[in-house]
Protein backbone atom coordinates (compact mmCIF):
# COMPACT_ATOMS: atom_id res chain seq x y z
CA UNK A 1 38.79 183.35 90.86
CA UNK A 2 41.19 180.70 92.13
CA UNK A 3 41.08 178.99 95.47
CA UNK A 4 43.93 180.45 97.46
CA UNK A 5 45.67 179.04 100.53
CA UNK A 6 44.71 182.16 102.33
CA UNK A 7 41.03 181.43 101.71
CA UNK A 8 41.52 177.79 102.89
CA UNK A 9 43.24 179.00 106.04
CA UNK A 10 40.32 181.39 106.75
CA UNK A 11 37.85 178.49 106.38
CA UNK A 12 39.96 176.30 108.63
CA UNK A 13 40.18 179.12 111.31
CA UNK A 14 36.39 179.83 111.15
CA UNK A 15 35.64 176.19 111.68
CA UNK A 16 38.19 175.76 114.47
CA UNK A 17 36.57 178.65 116.32
CA UNK A 18 33.48 176.63 116.59
CA UNK A 19 34.94 173.05 116.98
CA UNK A 20 37.99 173.45 119.22
CA UNK A 21 36.38 175.20 122.18
CA UNK A 22 33.77 172.44 122.45
CA UNK A 23 36.22 169.54 121.96
CA UNK A 24 36.53 167.33 125.15
CA UNK A 25 33.92 169.44 126.85
CA UNK A 26 31.20 166.77 127.16
CA UNK A 27 28.70 168.81 125.10
CA UNK A 28 25.22 167.74 124.16
CA UNK A 29 25.17 165.07 121.40
CA UNK A 30 21.93 164.45 119.21
CA UNK A 31 21.20 161.39 117.34
CA UNK A 32 20.13 161.68 113.69
CA UNK A 33 18.86 158.03 113.39
CA UNK A 34 15.83 156.41 114.97
CA UNK A 35 17.39 152.94 114.58
CA UNK A 36 21.00 153.18 115.23
CA UNK A 37 23.46 155.99 116.26
CA UNK A 38 24.52 158.84 113.89
CA UNK A 39 25.75 161.70 116.23
CA UNK A 40 25.62 165.36 115.56
CA UNK A 41 26.77 168.11 117.86
CA UNK A 42 26.35 171.79 118.19
CA UNK A 43 29.95 172.12 116.93
CA UNK A 44 28.94 170.33 113.66
CA UNK A 45 26.07 172.70 113.02
CA UNK A 46 27.87 176.01 114.05
CA UNK A 47 31.10 175.17 112.09
CA UNK A 48 29.16 174.49 108.97
CA UNK A 49 27.22 177.80 109.36
CA UNK A 50 30.64 179.60 109.79
CA UNK A 51 32.01 177.93 106.69
CA UNK A 52 28.85 178.73 104.58
CA UNK A 53 29.07 182.34 105.59
CA UNK A 54 32.64 182.65 104.28
CA UNK A 55 31.95 181.00 101.07
CA UNK A 56 28.75 183.02 100.46
CA UNK A 57 30.75 186.22 101.03
CA UNK A 58 33.62 185.23 98.79
CA UNK A 59 31.85 183.24 96.02
CA UNK A 60 28.21 184.32 96.13
CA UNK A 61 27.43 182.44 92.79
CA UNK A 62 28.74 179.11 93.98
CA UNK A 63 26.63 176.35 95.28
CA UNK A 64 27.12 174.76 98.70
CA UNK A 65 26.33 171.10 99.75
CA UNK A 66 26.71 170.45 103.61
CA UNK A 67 26.16 167.49 105.73
CA UNK A 68 24.12 169.44 108.40
CA UNK A 69 22.44 172.23 106.42
CA UNK A 70 21.77 170.68 102.95
CA UNK A 71 22.13 172.06 99.51
CA UNK A 72 21.90 175.65 98.16
CA UNK A 73 22.29 177.04 94.54
CA UNK A 74 22.53 173.45 93.43
CA UNK A 75 22.51 174.46 89.68
CA UNK A 76 25.88 176.20 89.90
CA UNK A 77 28.82 174.74 88.00
CA UNK A 78 30.95 175.32 91.12
CA UNK A 79 29.72 173.53 94.31
CA UNK A 80 31.54 173.49 97.74
CA UNK A 81 30.94 170.33 99.68
CA UNK A 82 31.34 170.60 103.44
CA UNK A 83 31.63 168.07 106.35
CA UNK A 84 32.17 170.35 109.29
CA UNK A 85 33.34 167.43 111.61
CA UNK A 86 34.30 164.23 109.71
CA UNK A 87 34.61 161.72 112.49
CA UNK A 88 32.03 162.98 114.88
CA UNK A 89 32.16 159.67 116.79
CA UNK A 90 35.86 160.43 117.40
CA UNK A 91 35.12 163.98 118.29
CA UNK A 92 32.63 163.07 121.05
CA UNK A 93 34.96 160.38 122.24
CA UNK A 94 37.87 162.90 122.80
CA UNK A 95 40.06 161.35 119.99
CA UNK A 96 41.96 163.88 117.84
CA UNK A 97 41.46 162.06 114.54
CA UNK A 98 38.47 164.12 113.39
CA UNK A 99 38.77 166.90 110.90
CA UNK A 100 36.91 169.58 108.94
CA UNK A 101 36.54 168.65 105.27
CA UNK A 102 35.70 171.42 102.70
CA UNK A 103 36.04 170.62 98.86
CA UNK A 104 35.26 172.34 95.64
CA UNK A 105 33.71 170.68 92.55
CA UNK A 106 33.60 172.20 89.17
CA UNK A 107 31.19 170.48 86.87
CA UNK A 108 31.21 167.46 89.24
CA UNK A 109 35.03 167.16 89.47
CA UNK A 110 36.80 167.78 92.66
CA UNK A 111 39.53 170.37 92.04
CA UNK A 112 40.43 171.76 95.46
CA UNK A 113 40.02 170.66 99.16
CA UNK A 114 41.20 170.90 102.61
CA UNK A 115 41.33 168.72 105.69
CA UNK A 116 41.96 170.74 108.88
CA UNK A 117 42.59 169.20 112.40
CA UNK A 118 42.90 172.32 114.77
CA UNK A 119 43.64 170.25 117.90
CA UNK A 120 46.96 169.00 116.33
CA UNK A 121 47.39 172.27 114.39
CA UNK A 122 47.48 170.50 111.03
CA UNK A 123 46.13 171.68 107.47
CA UNK A 124 46.21 169.38 104.54
CA UNK A 125 45.09 171.05 101.35
CA UNK A 126 45.11 170.88 97.59
CA UNK A 127 44.54 173.59 94.89
CA UNK A 128 46.00 174.40 91.54
CA UNK A 129 49.56 174.53 93.10
CA UNK A 130 49.46 170.98 94.25
CA UNK A 131 49.01 169.14 97.55
CA UNK A 132 50.44 170.63 100.67
CA UNK A 133 50.81 170.32 104.45
CA UNK A 134 51.09 172.99 107.13
CA UNK A 135 51.58 172.16 110.80
CA UNK A 136 54.22 170.76 113.21
CA UNK A 137 57.45 170.05 111.46
CA UNK A 138 56.88 172.92 109.02
CA UNK A 139 55.22 173.30 105.66
CA UNK A 140 55.91 170.78 102.80
CA UNK A 141 54.50 169.57 99.58
CA UNK A 142 52.75 166.16 99.98
CA UNK A 143 53.84 163.05 98.18
CA UNK A 144 52.46 159.58 98.57
CA UNK A 145 54.76 156.54 99.20
CA UNK A 146 55.65 154.64 96.17
CA UNK A 147 54.50 151.30 97.49
CA UNK A 148 53.31 148.96 94.72
CA UNK A 149 53.03 145.45 96.70
CA UNK A 150 50.17 144.71 99.00
CA UNK A 151 52.63 142.84 101.19
CA UNK A 152 54.43 146.14 101.93
CA UNK A 153 51.26 148.20 102.36
CA UNK A 154 49.53 149.73 105.44
CA UNK A 155 45.70 149.66 105.12
CA UNK A 156 43.08 151.83 106.79
CA UNK A 157 39.33 151.36 107.15
CA UNK A 158 36.88 152.83 109.56
CA UNK A 159 35.83 149.39 110.74
CA UNK A 160 35.44 145.98 108.96
CA UNK A 161 31.95 145.81 110.38
CA UNK A 162 30.77 148.22 107.73
CA UNK A 163 31.52 145.58 105.04
CA UNK A 164 28.37 143.39 104.79
CA UNK A 165 27.86 139.94 103.37
CA UNK A 166 30.19 138.98 100.47
CA UNK A 167 31.86 142.38 100.74
CA UNK A 168 33.23 141.45 104.23
CA UNK A 169 34.71 138.36 102.86
CA UNK A 170 36.49 140.39 100.17
CA UNK A 171 37.66 142.97 102.53
CA UNK A 172 39.11 140.20 104.86
CA UNK A 173 40.99 138.79 101.89
CA UNK A 174 42.46 142.17 101.27
CA UNK A 175 43.54 142.78 104.95
CA UNK A 176 45.08 139.31 105.09
CA UNK A 177 47.48 140.36 102.22
CA UNK A 178 48.77 143.73 103.59
CA UNK A 179 51.51 144.25 106.12
CA UNK A 180 49.47 146.24 108.67
CA UNK A 181 45.83 147.27 109.07
CA UNK A 182 44.55 150.05 111.28
CA UNK A 183 40.88 151.09 112.09
CA UNK A 184 38.84 154.07 113.00
CA UNK A 185 40.76 157.05 111.72
CA UNK A 186 38.14 158.61 109.47
CA UNK A 187 39.36 161.40 107.28
CA UNK A 188 42.84 161.15 108.87
CA UNK A 189 43.40 157.94 106.97
CA UNK A 190 43.11 159.61 103.67
CA UNK A 191 45.51 162.36 104.81
CA UNK A 192 48.05 159.69 105.82
CA UNK A 193 47.89 158.26 102.40
CA UNK A 194 48.50 161.71 100.86
CA UNK A 195 51.38 162.40 103.26
CA UNK A 196 53.25 159.17 102.59
CA UNK A 197 52.50 157.50 105.95
CA UNK A 198 50.09 154.88 104.84
CA UNK A 199 49.17 153.23 101.51
CA UNK A 200 45.44 152.22 101.19
CA UNK A 201 42.06 153.30 102.48
CA UNK A 202 39.09 151.07 101.85
CA UNK A 203 35.83 152.57 103.17
CA UNK A 204 32.30 151.49 102.12
CA UNK A 205 29.25 153.60 102.02
CA UNK A 206 30.72 157.17 102.04
CA UNK A 207 28.71 160.35 101.20
CA UNK A 208 29.99 163.00 98.92
CA UNK A 209 30.91 165.16 101.91
CA UNK A 210 33.01 162.38 103.34
CA UNK A 211 35.32 162.29 100.28
CA UNK A 212 35.17 165.35 97.86
CA UNK A 213 37.67 167.43 99.85
CA UNK A 214 40.16 164.49 100.10
CA UNK A 215 40.16 163.48 96.39
CA UNK A 216 42.48 166.38 95.14
CA UNK A 217 44.67 166.13 98.22
CA UNK A 218 45.49 162.45 97.44
CA UNK A 219 45.55 162.82 93.67
CA UNK A 220 47.85 165.87 93.56
CA UNK A 221 50.17 163.95 95.96
CA UNK A 222 50.46 161.16 93.37
CA UNK A 223 47.70 158.82 94.71
CA UNK A 224 44.44 157.33 93.22
CA UNK A 225 40.93 157.61 94.48
CA UNK A 226 37.94 155.84 92.90
CA UNK A 227 34.91 153.69 93.83
CA UNK A 228 35.68 149.90 94.38
CA UNK A 229 34.74 149.50 90.71
CA UNK A 230 36.98 152.11 89.40
CA UNK A 231 34.45 154.91 88.98
CA UNK A 232 34.80 158.54 90.03
CA UNK A 233 34.57 159.09 93.78
CA UNK A 234 32.96 162.48 93.91
CA UNK A 235 29.41 161.09 94.46
CA UNK A 236 30.55 158.79 97.35
CA UNK A 237 29.92 155.09 97.57
CA UNK A 238 32.46 152.31 98.38
CA UNK A 239 35.75 154.33 98.10
CA UNK A 240 39.27 153.01 97.62
CA UNK A 241 42.28 155.38 97.91
CA UNK A 242 45.80 154.14 97.18
CA UNK A 243 49.25 155.51 97.12
CA UNK A 244 50.22 154.25 93.58
CA UNK A 245 48.19 153.13 90.51
CA UNK A 246 49.75 149.69 90.80
CA UNK A 247 48.71 149.22 94.45
CA UNK A 248 45.21 150.56 93.55
CA UNK A 249 44.81 148.01 90.79
CA UNK A 250 45.88 145.13 93.16
CA UNK A 251 43.52 146.24 95.87
CA UNK A 252 40.56 146.71 93.47
CA UNK A 253 41.11 143.32 91.95
CA UNK A 254 40.59 141.63 95.39
CA UNK A 255 37.67 143.92 96.37
CA UNK A 256 35.81 142.92 93.20
CA UNK A 257 36.36 139.25 93.79
């Protein structure tokens, strides 16, 4: 059964019913790390439960991997990958650059995905029909910018502080060659590449649920998503997304020294 836009909208609505009423309400925040800060909220947990319930009802034979509630039916060829709130730090800080990420892999390849931002009323999604946007300004098909030169590019990263040791030196070299660099936009950065508003995202240390949903949104809009070394991005790692193959190659050359 194909993944329809109607089903994606239902997922987005179910997640929004849990996340939106709790946004900017100063709710309780738990820390998943003993040495550091990895926040999780009631909204994270309840949104994932709601998404899982929809998937289990619609696709009972499919597997599910979620950030908050783990893996089920892992042996299935079809596995949904969920990050109920990507950008929890933004969420608890009142910044509307978080989003709900839900992607579908078939035999390990990401084939469909959505990024929903209910506060701004935006839905970015990709399925067999291509990559699409719904929200303010009207529905449209997504297309990346045709930027091929680093000197013309806008670059996003969560924060340069995530690049450690030699990786930081290489990242700084990349940033020095682009036109504009912006920090801290989590999943929104990848959506901006898919929608033609930015050109590169370089983010180290991502988990599968941080990126699986975003891969087809960017690829079906004309972009490229891989690890820094050029491998598939579905398993996470150090991830590079670019608007064009030429730009991707130029950024990857710098990031690999």
